[in-house]
Amino acid sequence: MISKLNNYVMIFVLFASLSCKKEGNGSDLTFSPTCNFSGSNVEVVDMLKGSLRYTDNISNLTLSGHKFVIESAGRLPMVVCNMPSSFEMAEDKLIKVAFSGRTVIIPKEADAANTDIELAYLKFE
């Protein structure tokens, strides 16, 4: 009886530990929500594909310093506003990524070269 009870306890502990995982996040980097999007319309994007690069130029426009930028088909380039400071990347190197987060919606009538994104997930492919 006691050994049967121990088996049930072990199964319960195993099941509980597996169910405590984060929602399958598996992000290659850890992000904190540090972007201030107050007063902006935002869109949650989930598991999009794109290219990450570290650059000071978007569409022949010079940025104020080097930024991490994600380019994804059908979207404006997105400047990452919460990239961990410990992450480094060679200038203008492209890395294919899958990503999720919140991005600022720019009205269609606006003349914008880019928007901002607060990442929650980033996976290098």
PDB file of N, CA and C in Angstrom:
ATOM      1  N   MET A   1       0.826  -1.198   0.000  1.00  0.00           N
ATOM      2  CA  MET A   1       0.000   0.000   0.000  1.00  0.00           C
ATOM      3  C   MET A   1       0.871   1.262   0.000  1.00  0.00           C
ATOM      4  N   ILE A   2       1.915   1.259   0.862  1.00  0.00           N
ATOM      5  CA  ILE A   2       2.792   2.431   0.951  1.00  0.00           C
ATOM      6  C   ILE A   2       3.559   2.626  -0.353  1.00  0.00           C
ATOM      7  N   SER A   3       4.032   1.533  -0.959  1.00  0.00           N
ATOM      8  CA  SER A   3       4.762   1.681  -2.222  1.00  0.00           C
ATOM      9  C   SER A   3       3.842   2.188  -3.330  1.00  0.00           C
ATOM     10  N   LYS A   4       2.589   1.766  -3.326  1.00  0.00           N
ATOM     11  CA  LYS A   4       1.631   2.269  -4.307  1.00  0.00           C
ATOM     12  C   LYS A   4       1.388   3.762  -4.111  1.00  0.00           C
ATOM     13  N   LEU A   5       1.299   4.186  -2.846  1.00  0.00           N
ATOM     14  CA  LEU A   5       1.116   5.596  -2.523  1.00  0.00           C
ATOM     15  C   LEU A   5       2.334   6.401  -2.963  1.00  0.00           C
ATOM     16  N   ASN A   6       3.529   5.858  -2.739  1.00  0.00           N
ATOM     17  CA  ASN A   6       4.760   6.529  -3.175  1.00  0.00           C
ATOM     18  C   ASN A   6       4.789   6.694  -4.687  1.00  0.00           C
ATOM     19  N   ASN A   7       4.324   5.679  -5.418  1.00  0.00           N
ATOM     20  CA  ASN A   7       4.268   5.792  -6.877  1.00  0.00           C
ATOM     21  C   ASN A   7       3.351   6.927  -7.306  1.00  0.00           C
ATOM     22  N   TYR A   8       2.189   7.033  -6.663  1.00  0.00           N
ATOM     23  CA  TYR A   8       1.261   8.122  -6.990  1.00  0.00           C
ATOM     24  C   TYR A   8       1.857   9.485  -6.660  1.00  0.00           C
ATOM     25  N   VAL A   9       2.564   9.569  -5.545  1.00  0.00           N
ATOM     26  CA  VAL A   9       3.206  10.827  -5.161  1.00  0.00           C
ATOM     27  C   VAL A   9       4.270  11.199  -6.189  1.00  0.00           C
ATOM     28  N   MET A  10       5.065  10.232  -6.616  1.00  0.00           N
ATOM     29  CA  MET A  10       6.119  10.498  -7.605  1.00  0.00           C
ATOM     30  C   MET A  10       5.519  10.948  -8.938  1.00  0.00           C
ATOM     31  N   ILE A  11       4.446  10.298  -9.355  1.00  0.00           N
ATOM     32  CA  ILE A  11       3.787  10.692 -10.598  1.00  0.00           C
ATOM     33  C   ILE A  11       3.233  12.096 -10.481  1.00  0.00           C
ATOM     34  N   PHE A  12       2.622  12.412  -9.339  1.00  0.00           N
ATOM     35  CA  PHE A  12       2.075  13.756  -9.117  1.00  0.00           C
ATOM     36  C   PHE A  12       3.188  14.799  -9.156  1.00  0.00           C
ATOM     37  N   VAL A  13       4.310  14.530  -8.500  1.00  0.00           N
ATOM     38  CA  VAL A  13       5.434  15.476  -8.483  1.00  0.00           C
ATOM     39  C   VAL A  13       5.983  15.679  -9.891  1.00  0.00           C
ATOM     40  N   LEU A  14       6.124  14.603 -10.648  1.00  0.00           N
ATOM     41  CA  LEU A  14       6.612  14.704 -12.016  1.00  0.00           C
ATOM     42  C   LEU A  14       5.651  15.526 -12.874  1.00  0.00           C
ATOM     43  N   PHE A  15       4.362  15.245 -12.776  1.00  0.00           N
ATOM     44  CA  PHE A  15       3.363  15.986 -13.538  1.00  0.00           C
ATOM     45  C   PHE A  15       3.368  17.458 -13.150  1.00  0.00           C
ATOM     46  N   ALA A  16       3.450  17.748 -11.868  1.00  0.00           N
ATOM     47  CA  ALA A  16       3.444  19.140 -11.397  1.00  0.00           C
ATOM     48  C   ALA A  16       4.679  19.889 -11.894  1.00  0.00           C
ATOM     49  N   SER A  17       5.821  19.253 -11.865  1.00  0.00           N
ATOM     50  CA  SER A  17       7.036  19.941 -12.318  1.00  0.00           C
ATOM     51  C   SER A  17       7.002  20.203 -13.817  1.00  0.00           C
ATOM     52  N   LEU A  18       6.441  19.298 -14.599  1.00  0.00           N
ATOM     53  CA  LEU A  18       6.336  19.522 -16.035  1.00  0.00           C
ATOM     54  C   LEU A  18       5.318  20.602 -16.366  1.00  0.00           C
ATOM     55  N   SER A  19       4.256  20.701 -15.605  1.00  0.00           N
ATOM     56  CA  SER A  19       3.225  21.697 -15.895  1.00  0.00           C
ATOM     57  C   SER A  19       3.625  23.085 -15.419  1.00  0.00           C
ATOM     58  N   CYS A  20       4.675  23.224 -14.637  1.00  0.00           N
ATOM     59  CA  CYS A  20       5.117  24.528 -14.162  1.00  0.00           C
ATOM     60  C   CYS A  20       6.022  25.236 -15.158  1.00  0.00           C
ATOM     61  N   LYS A  21       6.335  24.597 -16.269  1.00  0.00           N
ATOM     62  CA  LYS A  21       7.153  25.250 -17.283  1.00  0.00           C
ATOM     63  C   LYS A  21       6.459  26.499 -17.790  1.00  0.00           C
ATOM     64  N   LYS A  22       7.253  27.474 -18.238  1.00  0.00           N
ATOM     65  CA  LYS A  22       6.660  28.632 -18.904  1.00  0.00           C
ATOM     66  C   LYS A  22       5.954  28.133 -20.143  1.00  0.00           C
ATOM     67  N   GLU A  23       5.033  28.865 -20.654  1.00  0.00           N
ATOM     68  CA  GLU A  23       4.191  28.475 -21.770  1.00  0.00           C
ATOM     69  C   GLU A  23       5.001  28.065 -22.988  1.00  0.00           C
ATOM     70  N   GLY A  24       5.934  27.183 -22.839  1.00  0.00           N
ATOM     71  CA  GLY A  24       6.732  26.768 -23.971  1.00  0.00           C
ATOM     72  C   GLY A  24       7.519  27.921 -24.563  1.00  0.00           C
ATOM     73  N   ASN A  25       7.829  28.932 -23.743  1.00  0.00           N
ATOM     74  CA  ASN A  25       8.466  30.137 -24.245  1.00  0.00           C
ATOM     75  C   ASN A  25       9.705  29.783 -25.046  1.00  0.00           C
ATOM     76  N   GLY A  26      10.709  29.213 -24.435  1.00  0.00           N
ATOM     77  CA  GLY A  26      11.892  28.793 -25.156  1.00  0.00           C
ATOM     78  C   GLY A  26      12.647  29.909 -25.850  1.00  0.00           C
ATOM     79  N   SER A  27      12.432  31.141 -25.444  1.00  0.00           N
ATOM     80  CA  SER A  27      13.116  32.278 -26.050  1.00  0.00           C
ATOM     81  C   SER A  27      14.617  32.151 -25.845  1.00  0.00           C
ATOM     82  N   ASP A  28      15.379  32.528 -26.854  1.00  0.00           N
ATOM     83  CA  ASP A  28      16.837  32.495 -26.744  1.00  0.00           C
ATOM     84  C   ASP A  28      17.377  33.621 -25.867  1.00  0.00           C
ATOM     85  N   LEU A  29      16.587  34.668 -25.651  1.00  0.00           N
ATOM     86  CA  LEU A  29      16.970  35.785 -24.787  1.00  0.00           C
ATOM     87  C   LEU A  29      15.837  36.072 -23.806  1.00  0.00           C
ATOM     88  N   THR A  30      16.172  36.652 -22.676  1.00  0.00           N
ATOM     89  CA  THR A  30      15.166  37.038 -21.687  1.00  0.00           C
ATOM     90  C   THR A  30      14.910  38.527 -21.809  1.00  0.00           C
ATOM     91  N   PHE A  31      13.650  38.889 -21.941  1.00  0.00           N
ATOM     92  CA  PHE A  31      13.271  40.289 -22.125  1.00  0.00           C
ATOM     93  C   PHE A  31      12.466  40.792 -20.936  1.00  0.00           C
ATOM     94  N   SER A  32      12.641  42.070 -20.639  1.00  0.00           N
ATOM     95  CA  SER A  32      11.797  42.708 -19.634  1.00  0.00           C
ATOM     96  C   SER A  32      10.934  43.740 -20.348  1.00  0.00           C
ATOM     97  N   PRO A  33       9.696  43.926 -19.879  1.00  0.00           N
ATOM     98  CA  PRO A  33       8.815  44.917 -20.526  1.00  0.00           C
ATOM     99  C   PRO A  33       9.206  46.322 -20.094  1.00  0.00           C
ATOM    100  N   THR A  34      10.090  46.952 -20.850  1.00  0.00           N
ATOM    101  CA  THR A  34      10.630  48.250 -20.449  1.00  0.00           C
ATOM    102  C   THR A  34      10.275  49.389 -21.393  1.00  0.00           C
ATOM    103  N   CYS A  35       9.502  49.108 -22.418  1.00  0.00           N
ATOM    104  CA  CYS A  35       9.190  50.146 -23.396  1.00  0.00           C
ATOM    105  C   CYS A  35       7.970  50.945 -22.950  1.00  0.00           C
ATOM    106  N   ASN A  36       8.012  52.236 -23.186  1.00  0.00           N
ATOM    107  CA  ASN A  36       6.902  53.103 -22.814  1.00  0.00           C
ATOM    108  C   ASN A  36       6.053  53.385 -24.049  1.00  0.00           C
ATOM    109  N   PHE A  37       4.965  52.640 -24.179  1.00  0.00           N
ATOM    110  CA  PHE A  37       4.060  52.818 -25.305  1.00  0.00           C
ATOM    111  C   PHE A  37       2.789  53.541 -24.883  1.00  0.00           C
ATOM    112  N   SER A  38       2.815  54.235 -23.746  1.00  0.00           N
ATOM    113  CA  SER A  38       1.603  54.904 -23.276  1.00  0.00           C
ATOM    114  C   SER A  38       1.143  55.941 -24.301  1.00  0.00           C
ATOM    115  N   GLY A  39      -0.156  55.964 -24.543  1.00  0.00           N
ATOM    116  CA  GLY A  39      -0.721  56.885 -25.519  1.00  0.00           C
ATOM    117  C   GLY A  39      -0.628  56.400 -26.949  1.00  0.00           C
ATOM    118  N   SER A  40      -0.046  55.220 -27.159  1.00  0.00           N
ATOM    119  CA  SER A  40       0.091  54.672 -28.514  1.00  0.00           C
ATOM    120  C   SER A  40      -0.840  53.481 -28.692  1.00  0.00           C
ATOM    121  N   ASN A  41      -1.285  53.292 -29.921  1.00  0.00           N
ATOM    122  CA  ASN A  41      -2.007  52.073 -30.241  1.00  0.00           C
ATOM    123  C   ASN A  41      -0.972  50.981 -30.457  1.00  0.00           C
ATOM    124  N   VAL A  42      -1.186  49.835 -29.819  1.00  0.00           N
ATOM    125  CA  VAL A  42      -0.234  48.736 -29.958  1.00  0.00           C
ATOM    126  C   VAL A  42      -0.940  47.494 -30.486  1.00  0.00           C
ATOM    127  N   GLU A  43      -0.145  46.649 -31.110  1.00  0.00           N
ATOM    128  CA  GLU A  43      -0.625  45.374 -31.630  1.00  0.00           C
ATOM    129  C   GLU A  43       0.265  44.282 -31.053  1.00  0.00           C
ATOM    130  N   VAL A  44      -0.352  43.210 -30.592  1.00  0.00           N
ATOM    131  CA  VAL A  44       0.410  42.058 -30.136  1.00  0.00           C
ATOM    132  C   VAL A  44       0.689  41.192 -31.355  1.00  0.00           C
ATOM    133  N   VAL A  45       1.953  40.894 -31.576  1.00  0.00           N
ATOM    134  CA  VAL A  45       2.345  40.018 -32.682  1.00  0.00           C
ATOM    135  C   VAL A  45       2.862  38.722 -32.091  1.00  0.00           C
ATOM    136  N   ASP A  46       2.540  37.621 -32.745  1.00  0.00           N
ATOM    137  CA  ASP A  46       2.874  36.316 -32.184  1.00  0.00           C
ATOM    138  C   ASP A  46       3.513  35.422 -33.239  1.00  0.00           C
ATOM    139  N   MET A  47       4.700  34.986 -32.951  1.00  0.00           N
ATOM    140  CA  MET A  47       5.442  34.036 -33.768  1.00  0.00           C
ATOM    141  C   MET A  47       5.567  34.450 -35.238  1.00  0.00           C
ATOM    142  N   LEU A  48       5.992  35.678 -35.446  1.00  0.00           N
ATOM    143  CA  LEU A  48       6.298  36.148 -36.795  1.00  0.00           C
ATOM    144  C   LEU A  48       7.731  35.765 -37.146  1.00  0.00           C
ATOM    145  N   LYS A  49       8.038  35.777 -38.417  1.00  0.00           N
ATOM    146  CA  LYS A  49       9.393  35.493 -38.905  1.00  0.00           C
ATOM    147  C   LYS A  49       9.988  36.781 -39.455  1.00  0.00           C
ATOM    148  N   GLY A  50      11.299  36.910 -39.326  1.00  0.00           N
ATOM    149  CA  GLY A  50      11.963  38.084 -39.855  1.00  0.00           C
ATOM    150  C   GLY A  50      13.465  37.967 -39.754  1.00  0.00           C
ATOM    151  N   SER A  51      14.134  39.103 -39.954  1.00  0.00           N
ATOM    152  CA  SER A  51      15.594  39.177 -39.859  1.00  0.00           C
ATOM    153  C   SER A  51      15.961  40.245 -38.848  1.00  0.00           C
ATOM    154  N   LEU A  52      16.887  39.906 -37.977  1.00  0.00           N
ATOM    155  CA  LEU A  52      17.389  40.834 -36.968  1.00  0.00           C
ATOM    156  C   LEU A  52      18.742  41.355 -37.437  1.00  0.00           C
ATOM    157  N   ARG A  53      18.950  42.661 -37.297  1.00  0.00           N
ATOM    158  CA  ARG A  53      20.273  43.227 -37.576  1.00  0.00           C
ATOM    159  C   ARG A  53      20.540  44.390 -36.635  1.00  0.00           C
ATOM    160  N   TYR A  54      21.816  44.700 -36.492  1.00  0.00           N
ATOM    161  CA  TYR A  54      22.272  45.808 -35.649  1.00  0.00           C
ATOM    162  C   TYR A  54      22.787  46.871 -36.606  1.00  0.00           C
ATOM    163  N   THR A  55      22.109  48.017 -36.653  1.00  0.00           N
ATOM    164  CA  THR A  55      22.421  49.002 -37.684  1.00  0.00           C
ATOM    165  C   THR A  55      22.140  50.423 -37.212  1.00  0.00           C
ATOM    166  N   ASP A  56      22.658  51.367 -37.965  1.00  0.00           N
ATOM    167  CA  ASP A  56      22.337  52.778 -37.704  1.00  0.00           C
ATOM    168  C   ASP A  56      21.626  53.374 -38.918  1.00  0.00           C
ATOM    169  N   ASN A  57      21.077  52.481 -39.786  1.00  0.00           N
ATOM    170  CA  ASN A  57      20.474  52.933 -41.030  1.00  0.00           C
ATOM    171  C   ASN A  57      19.260  52.063 -41.361  1.00  0.00           C
ATOM    172  N   ILE A  58      18.122  52.710 -41.613  1.00  0.00           N
ATOM    173  CA  ILE A  58      16.917  52.011 -42.071  1.00  0.00           C
ATOM    174  C   ILE A  58      16.438  52.714 -43.335  1.00  0.00           C
ATOM    175  N   SER A  59      16.317  51.954 -44.406  1.00  0.00           N
ATOM    176  CA  SER A  59      15.821  52.502 -45.677  1.00  0.00           C
ATOM    177  C   SER A  59      16.532  53.801 -46.053  1.00  0.00           C
ATOM    178  N   ASN A  60      17.844  53.797 -45.945  1.00  0.00           N
ATOM    179  CA  ASN A  60      18.690  54.954 -46.273  1.00  0.00           C
ATOM    180  C   ASN A  60      18.466  56.163 -45.363  1.00  0.00           C
ATOM    181  N   LEU A  61      17.848  55.972 -44.225  1.00  0.00           N
ATOM    182  CA  LEU A  61      17.705  57.021 -43.214  1.00  0.00           C
ATOM    183  C   LEU A  61      18.603  56.671 -42.036  1.00  0.00           C
ATOM    184  N   THR A  62      19.358  57.656 -41.564  1.00  0.00           N
ATOM    185  CA  THR A  62      20.277  57.420 -40.460  1.00  0.00           C
ATOM    186  C   THR A  62      19.551  57.515 -39.133  1.00  0.00           C
ATOM    187  N   LEU A  63      19.762  56.508 -38.286  1.00  0.00           N
ATOM    188  CA  LEU A  63      19.186  56.496 -36.937  1.00  0.00           C
ATOM    189  C   LEU A  63      20.113  57.236 -35.988  1.00  0.00           C
ATOM    190  N   SER A  64      19.610  57.581 -34.827  1.00  0.00           N
ATOM    191  CA  SER A  64      20.453  58.222 -33.808  1.00  0.00           C
ATOM    192  C   SER A  64      21.192  57.123 -33.041  1.00  0.00           C
ATOM    193  N   GLY A  65      22.255  56.646 -33.633  1.00  0.00           N
ATOM    194  CA  GLY A  65      23.034  55.563 -33.029  1.00  0.00           C
ATOM    195  C   GLY A  65      22.601  54.210 -33.567  1.00  0.00           C
ATOM    196  N   HIS A  66      23.358  53.185 -33.219  1.00  0.00           N
ATOM    197  CA  HIS A  66      23.057  51.828 -33.666  1.00  0.00           C
ATOM    198  C   HIS A  66      21.892  51.260 -32.859  1.00  0.00           C
ATOM    199  N   LYS A  67      21.006  50.542 -33.548  1.00  0.00           N
ATOM    200  CA  LYS A  67      19.830  49.925 -32.932  1.00  0.00           C
ATOM    201  C   LYS A  67      19.675  48.507 -33.471  1.00  0.00           C
ATOM    202  N   PHE A  68      18.982  47.672 -32.687  1.00  0.00           N
ATOM    203  CA  PHE A  68      18.583  46.355 -33.163  1.00  0.00           C
ATOM    204  C   PHE A  68      17.266  46.539 -33.894  1.00  0.00           C
ATOM    205  N   VAL A  69      17.217  46.060 -35.135  1.00  0.00           N
ATOM    206  CA  VAL A  69      16.048  46.254 -35.989  1.00  0.00           C
ATOM    207  C   VAL A  69      15.602  44.891 -36.520  1.00  0.00           C
ATOM    208  N   ILE A  70      14.297  44.648 -36.451  1.00  0.00           N
ATOM    209  CA  ILE A  70      13.726  43.443 -37.047  1.00  0.00           C
ATOM    210  C   ILE A  70      12.954  43.859 -38.286  1.00  0.00           C
ATOM    211  N   GLU A  71      13.244  43.178 -39.385  1.00  0.00           N
ATOM    212  CA  GLU A  71      12.521  43.402 -40.630  1.00  0.00           C
ATOM    213  C   GLU A  71      11.720  42.146 -40.932  1.00  0.00           C
ATOM    214  N   SER A  72      10.422  42.333 -41.173  1.00  0.00           N
ATOM    215  CA  SER A  72       9.513  41.221 -41.427  1.00  0.00           C
ATOM    216  C   SER A  72       8.626  41.591 -42.604  1.00  0.00           C
ATOM    217  N   ALA A  73       8.374  40.652 -43.495  1.00  0.00           N
ATOM    218  CA  ALA A  73       7.615  40.905 -44.723  1.00  0.00           C
ATOM    219  C   ALA A  73       6.266  41.553 -44.418  1.00  0.00           C
ATOM    220  N   GLY A  74       5.948  42.608 -45.166  1.00  0.00           N
ATOM    221  CA  GLY A  74       4.667  43.280 -45.041  1.00  0.00           C
ATOM    222  C   GLY A  74       4.557  44.246 -43.877  1.00  0.00           C
ATOM    223  N   ARG A  75       5.661  44.512 -43.179  1.00  0.00           N
ATOM    224  CA  ARG A  75       5.652  45.403 -42.016  1.00  0.00           C
ATOM    225  C   ARG A  75       6.770  46.425 -42.128  1.00  0.00           C
ATOM    226  N   LEU A  76       6.562  47.547 -41.435  1.00  0.00           N
ATOM    227  CA  LEU A  76       7.657  48.509 -41.306  1.00  0.00           C
ATOM    228  C   LEU A  76       8.789  47.866 -40.512  1.00  0.00           C
ATOM    229  N   PRO A  77      10.033  48.272 -40.739  1.00  0.00           N
ATOM    230  CA  PRO A  77      11.114  47.810 -39.865  1.00  0.00           C
ATOM    231  C   PRO A  77      10.791  48.191 -38.420  1.00  0.00           C
ATOM    232  N   MET A  78      11.114  47.292 -37.492  1.00  0.00           N
ATOM    233  CA  MET A  78      10.779  47.488 -36.077  1.00  0.00           C
ATOM    234  C   MET A  78      12.053  47.618 -35.255  1.00  0.00           C
ATOM    235  N   VAL A  79      12.202  48.766 -34.588  1.00  0.00           N
ATOM    236  CA  VAL A  79      13.348  48.989 -33.709  1.00  0.00           C
ATOM    237  C   VAL A  79      13.025  48.354 -32.355  1.00  0.00           C
ATOM    238  N   VAL A  80      13.902  47.464 -31.901  1.00  0.00           N
ATOM    239  CA  VAL A  80      13.693  46.766 -30.637  1.00  0.00           C
ATOM    240  C   VAL A  80      14.037  47.712 -29.491  1.00  0.00           C
ATOM    241  N   CYS A  81      13.065  47.970 -28.626  1.00  0.00           N
ATOM    242  CA  CYS A  81      13.296  48.927 -27.539  1.00  0.00           C
ATOM    243  C   CYS A  81      13.690  48.262 -26.225  1.00  0.00           C
ATOM    244  N   ASN A  82      13.713  46.940 -26.170  1.00  0.00           N
ATOM    245  CA  ASN A  82      14.068  46.283 -24.907  1.00  0.00           C
ATOM    246  C   ASN A  82      15.076  45.146 -25.098  1.00  0.00           C
ATOM    247  N   MET A  83      15.995  45.320 -26.022  1.00  0.00           N
ATOM    248  CA  MET A  83      17.021  44.298 -26.235  1.00  0.00           C
ATOM    249  C   MET A  83      17.942  44.264 -25.019  1.00  0.00           C
ATOM    250  N   PRO A  84      18.216  43.068 -24.475  1.00  0.00           N
ATOM    251  CA  PRO A  84      19.112  42.986 -23.318  1.00  0.00           C
ATOM    252  C   PRO A  84      20.477  43.603 -23.625  1.00  0.00           C
ATOM    253  N   SER A  85      20.990  44.382 -22.693  1.00  0.00           N
ATOM    254  CA  SER A  85      22.267  45.080 -22.915  1.00  0.00           C
ATOM    255  C   SER A  85      23.438  44.113 -23.062  1.00  0.00           C
ATOM    256  N   SER A  86      23.275  42.884 -22.587  1.00  0.00           N
ATOM    257  CA  SER A  86      24.360  41.909 -22.677  1.00  0.00           C
ATOM    258  C   SER A  86      24.466  41.282 -24.073  1.00  0.00           C
ATOM    259  N   PHE A  87      23.446  41.451 -24.905  1.00  0.00           N
ATOM    260  CA  PHE A  87      23.463  40.851 -26.236  1.00  0.00           C
ATOM    261  C   PHE A  87      24.271  41.717 -27.201  1.00  0.00           C
ATOM    262  N   GLU A  88      25.187  41.083 -27.920  1.00  0.00           N
ATOM    263  CA  GLU A  88      26.006  41.789 -28.896  1.00  0.00           C
ATOM    264  C   GLU A  88      25.877  41.115 -30.255  1.00  0.00           C
ATOM    265  N   MET A  89      26.043  41.934 -31.282  1.00  0.00           N
ATOM    266  CA  MET A  89      25.917  41.426 -32.645  1.00  0.00           C
ATOM    267  C   MET A  89      26.751  42.313 -33.564  1.00  0.00           C
ATOM    268  N   ALA A  90      27.366  41.714 -34.568  1.00  0.00           N
ATOM    269  CA  ALA A  90      28.165  42.487 -35.518  1.00  0.00           C
ATOM    270  C   ALA A  90      27.255  43.409 -36.323  1.00  0.00           C
ATOM    271  N   GLU A  91      27.767  44.586 -36.646  1.00  0.00           N
ATOM    272  CA  GLU A  91      27.001  45.577 -37.395  1.00  0.00           C
ATOM    273  C   GLU A  91      26.574  45.027 -38.756  1.00  0.00           C
ATOM    274  N   ASP A  92      25.285  45.214 -39.070  1.00  0.00           N
ATOM    275  CA  ASP A  92      24.656  44.846 -40.338  1.00  0.00           C
ATOM    276  C   ASP A  92      24.672  43.355 -40.663  1.00  0.00           C
ATOM    277  N   LYS A  93      24.989  42.499 -39.698  1.00  0.00           N
ATOM    278  CA  LYS A  93      24.863  41.058 -39.887  1.00  0.00           C
ATOM    279  C   LYS A  93      23.380  40.711 -39.763  1.00  0.00           C
ATOM    280  N   LEU A  94      22.875  39.850 -40.643  1.00  0.00           N
ATOM    281  CA  LEU A  94      21.473  39.431 -40.598  1.00  0.00           C
ATOM    282  C   LEU A  94      21.362  38.066 -39.933  1.00  0.00           C
ATOM    283  N   ILE A  95      20.412  37.958 -38.999  1.00  0.00           N
ATOM    284  CA  ILE A  95      20.108  36.680 -38.359  1.00  0.00           C
ATOM    285  C   ILE A  95      18.616  36.441 -38.517  1.00  0.00           C
ATOM    286  N   LYS A  96      18.257  35.297 -39.072  1.00  0.00           N
ATOM    287  CA  LYS A  96      16.842  34.920 -39.196  1.00  0.00           C
ATOM    288  C   LYS A  96      16.297  34.617 -37.794  1.00  0.00           C
ATOM    289  N   VAL A  97      15.105  35.154 -37.499  1.00  0.00           N
ATOM    290  CA  VAL A  97      14.513  34.988 -36.182  1.00  0.00           C
ATOM    291  C   VAL A  97      13.001  34.736 -36.279  1.00  0.00           C
ATOM    292  N   ALA A  98      12.471  34.135 -35.225  1.00  0.00           N
ATOM    293  CA  ALA A  98      11.033  34.097 -34.968  1.00  0.00           C
ATOM    294  C   ALA A  98      10.845  34.965 -33.736  1.00  0.00           C
ATOM    295  N   PHE A  99       9.765  35.751 -33.695  1.00  0.00           N
ATOM    296  CA  PHE A  99       9.616  36.690 -32.585  1.00  0.00           C
ATOM    297  C   PHE A  99       8.159  36.943 -32.247  1.00  0.00           C
ATOM    298  N   SER A 100       7.946  37.380 -31.011  1.00  0.00           N
ATOM    299  CA  SER A 100       6.632  37.796 -30.509  1.00  0.00           C
ATOM    300  C   SER A 100       6.835  39.017 -29.640  1.00  0.00           C
ATOM    301  N   GLY A 101       5.801  39.839 -29.530  1.00  0.00           N
ATOM    302  CA  GLY A 101       5.889  41.018 -28.675  1.00  0.00           C
ATOM    303  C   GLY A 101       4.766  41.997 -28.953  1.00  0.00           C
ATOM    304  N   ARG A 102       5.011  43.255 -28.576  1.00  0.00           N
ATOM    305  CA  ARG A 102       4.048  44.336 -28.814  1.00  0.00           C
ATOM    306  C   ARG A 102       4.712  45.370 -29.712  1.00  0.00           C
ATOM    307  N   THR A 103       3.989  45.781 -30.733  1.00  0.00           N
ATOM    308  CA  THR A 103       4.532  46.786 -31.644  1.00  0.00           C
ATOM    309  C   THR A 103       3.582  47.977 -31.726  1.00  0.00           C
ATOM    310  N   VAL A 104       4.147  49.148 -31.920  1.00  0.00           N
ATOM    311  CA  VAL A 104       3.353  50.366 -32.055  1.00  0.00           C
ATOM    312  C   VAL A 104       2.738  50.401 -33.443  1.00  0.00           C
ATOM    313  N   ILE A 105       1.439  50.669 -33.503  1.00  0.00           N
ATOM    314  CA  ILE A 105       0.739  50.776 -34.786  1.00  0.00           C
ATOM    315  C   ILE A 105       0.887  52.198 -35.305  1.00  0.00           C
ATOM    316  N   ILE A 106       1.432  52.322 -36.502  1.00  0.00           N
ATOM    317  CA  ILE A 106       1.591  53.626 -37.155  1.00  0.00           C
ATOM    318  C   ILE A 106       0.420  53.777 -38.138  1.00  0.00           C
ATOM    319  N   PRO A 107      -0.326  54.885 -38.059  1.00  0.00           N
ATOM    320  CA  PRO A 107      -1.438  55.082 -38.995  1.00  0.00           C
ATOM    321  C   PRO A 107      -0.945  55.052 -40.447  1.00  0.00           C
ATOM    322  N   LYS A 108      -1.774  54.513 -41.338  1.00  0.00           N
ATOM    323  CA  LYS A 108      -1.399  54.386 -42.751  1.00  0.00           C
ATOM    324  C   LYS A 108      -1.059  55.724 -43.400  1.00  0.00           C
ATOM    325  N   GLU A 109      -1.716  56.797 -42.934  1.00  0.00           N
ATOM    326  CA  GLU A 109      -1.470  58.109 -43.541  1.00  0.00           C
ATOM    327  C   GLU A 109      -0.165  58.754 -43.049  1.00  0.00           C
ATOM    328  N   ALA A 110       0.448  58.182 -42.025  1.00  0.00           N
ATOM    329  CA  ALA A 110       1.707  58.735 -41.496  1.00  0.00           C
ATOM    330  C   ALA A 110       2.866  58.365 -42.419  1.00  0.00           C
ATOM    331  N   ASP A 111       3.833  59.246 -42.507  1.00  0.00           N
ATOM    332  CA  ASP A 111       5.038  59.000 -43.294  1.00  0.00           C
ATOM    333  C   ASP A 111       6.121  58.524 -42.328  1.00  0.00           C
ATOM    334  N   ALA A 112       6.192  57.214 -42.123  1.00  0.00           N
ATOM    335  CA  ALA A 112       7.123  56.661 -41.140  1.00  0.00           C
ATOM    336  C   ALA A 112       8.047  55.651 -41.807  1.00  0.00           C
ATOM    337  N   ALA A 113       9.299  55.636 -41.370  1.00  0.00           N
ATOM    338  CA  ALA A 113      10.269  54.685 -41.898  1.00  0.00           C
ATOM    339  C   ALA A 113      10.359  53.438 -41.034  1.00  0.00           C
ATOM    340  N   ASN A 114       9.906  53.546 -39.782  1.00  0.00           N
ATOM    341  CA  ASN A 114       9.981  52.403 -38.872  1.00  0.00           C
ATOM    342  C   ASN A 114       8.984  52.588 -37.727  1.00  0.00           C
ATOM    343  N   THR A 115       8.851  51.532 -36.934  1.00  0.00           N
ATOM    344  CA  THR A 115       8.059  51.555 -35.709  1.00  0.00           C
ATOM    345  C   THR A 115       8.890  50.910 -34.604  1.00  0.00           C
ATOM    346  N   ASP A 116       8.333  50.806 -33.417  1.00  0.00           N
ATOM    347  CA  ASP A 116       9.043  50.195 -32.288  1.00  0.00           C
ATOM    348  C   ASP A 116       8.390  48.876 -31.913  1.00  0.00           C
ATOM    349  N   ILE A 117       9.195  47.968 -31.348  1.00  0.00           N
ATOM    350  CA  ILE A 117       8.681  46.707 -30.848  1.00  0.00           C
ATOM    351  C   ILE A 117       9.293  46.405 -29.490  1.00  0.00           C
ATOM    352  N   GLU A 118       8.449  45.921 -28.592  1.00  0.00           N
ATOM    353  CA  GLU A 118       8.884  45.408 -27.289  1.00  0.00           C
ATOM    354  C   GLU A 118       8.792  43.890 -27.377  1.00  0.00           C
ATOM    355  N   LEU A 119       9.932  43.232 -27.413  1.00  0.00           N
ATOM    356  CA  LEU A 119       9.956  41.784 -27.586  1.00  0.00           C
ATOM    357  C   LEU A 119       9.608  41.057 -26.295  1.00  0.00           C
ATOM    358  N   ALA A 120       8.898  39.942 -26.453  1.00  0.00           N
ATOM    359  CA  ALA A 120       8.635  39.026 -25.352  1.00  0.00           C
ATOM    360  C   ALA A 120       9.306  37.686 -25.641  1.00  0.00           C
ATOM    361  N   TYR A 121       9.592  37.442 -26.924  1.00  0.00           N
ATOM    362  CA  TYR A 121      10.145  36.154 -27.371  1.00  0.00           C
ATOM    363  C   TYR A 121      11.005  36.409 -28.603  1.00  0.00           C
ATOM    364  N   LEU A 122      12.142  35.727 -28.643  1.00  0.00           N
ATOM    365  CA  LEU A 122      13.016  35.792 -29.823  1.00  0.00           C
ATOM    366  C   LEU A 122      13.745  34.467 -29.926  1.00  0.00           C
ATOM    367  N   LYS A 123      13.627  33.824 -31.081  1.00  0.00           N
ATOM    368  CA  LYS A 123      14.295  32.548 -31.317  1.00  0.00           C
ATOM    369  C   LYS A 123      15.131  32.670 -32.573  1.00  0.00           C
ATOM    370  N   PHE A 124      16.426  32.378 -32.445  1.00  0.00           N
ATOM    371  CA  PHE A 124      17.330  32.402 -33.599  1.00  0.00           C
ATOM    372  C   PHE A 124      17.109  31.142 -34.437  1.00  0.00           C
ATOM    373  N   GLU A 125      17.022  31.322 -35.744  1.00  0.00           N
ATOM    374  CA  GLU A 125      16.762  30.162 -36.624  1.00  0.00           C
ATOM    375  C   GLU A 125      17.962  29.832 -37.465  1.00  0.00           C
TER     376      GLU A 125
END
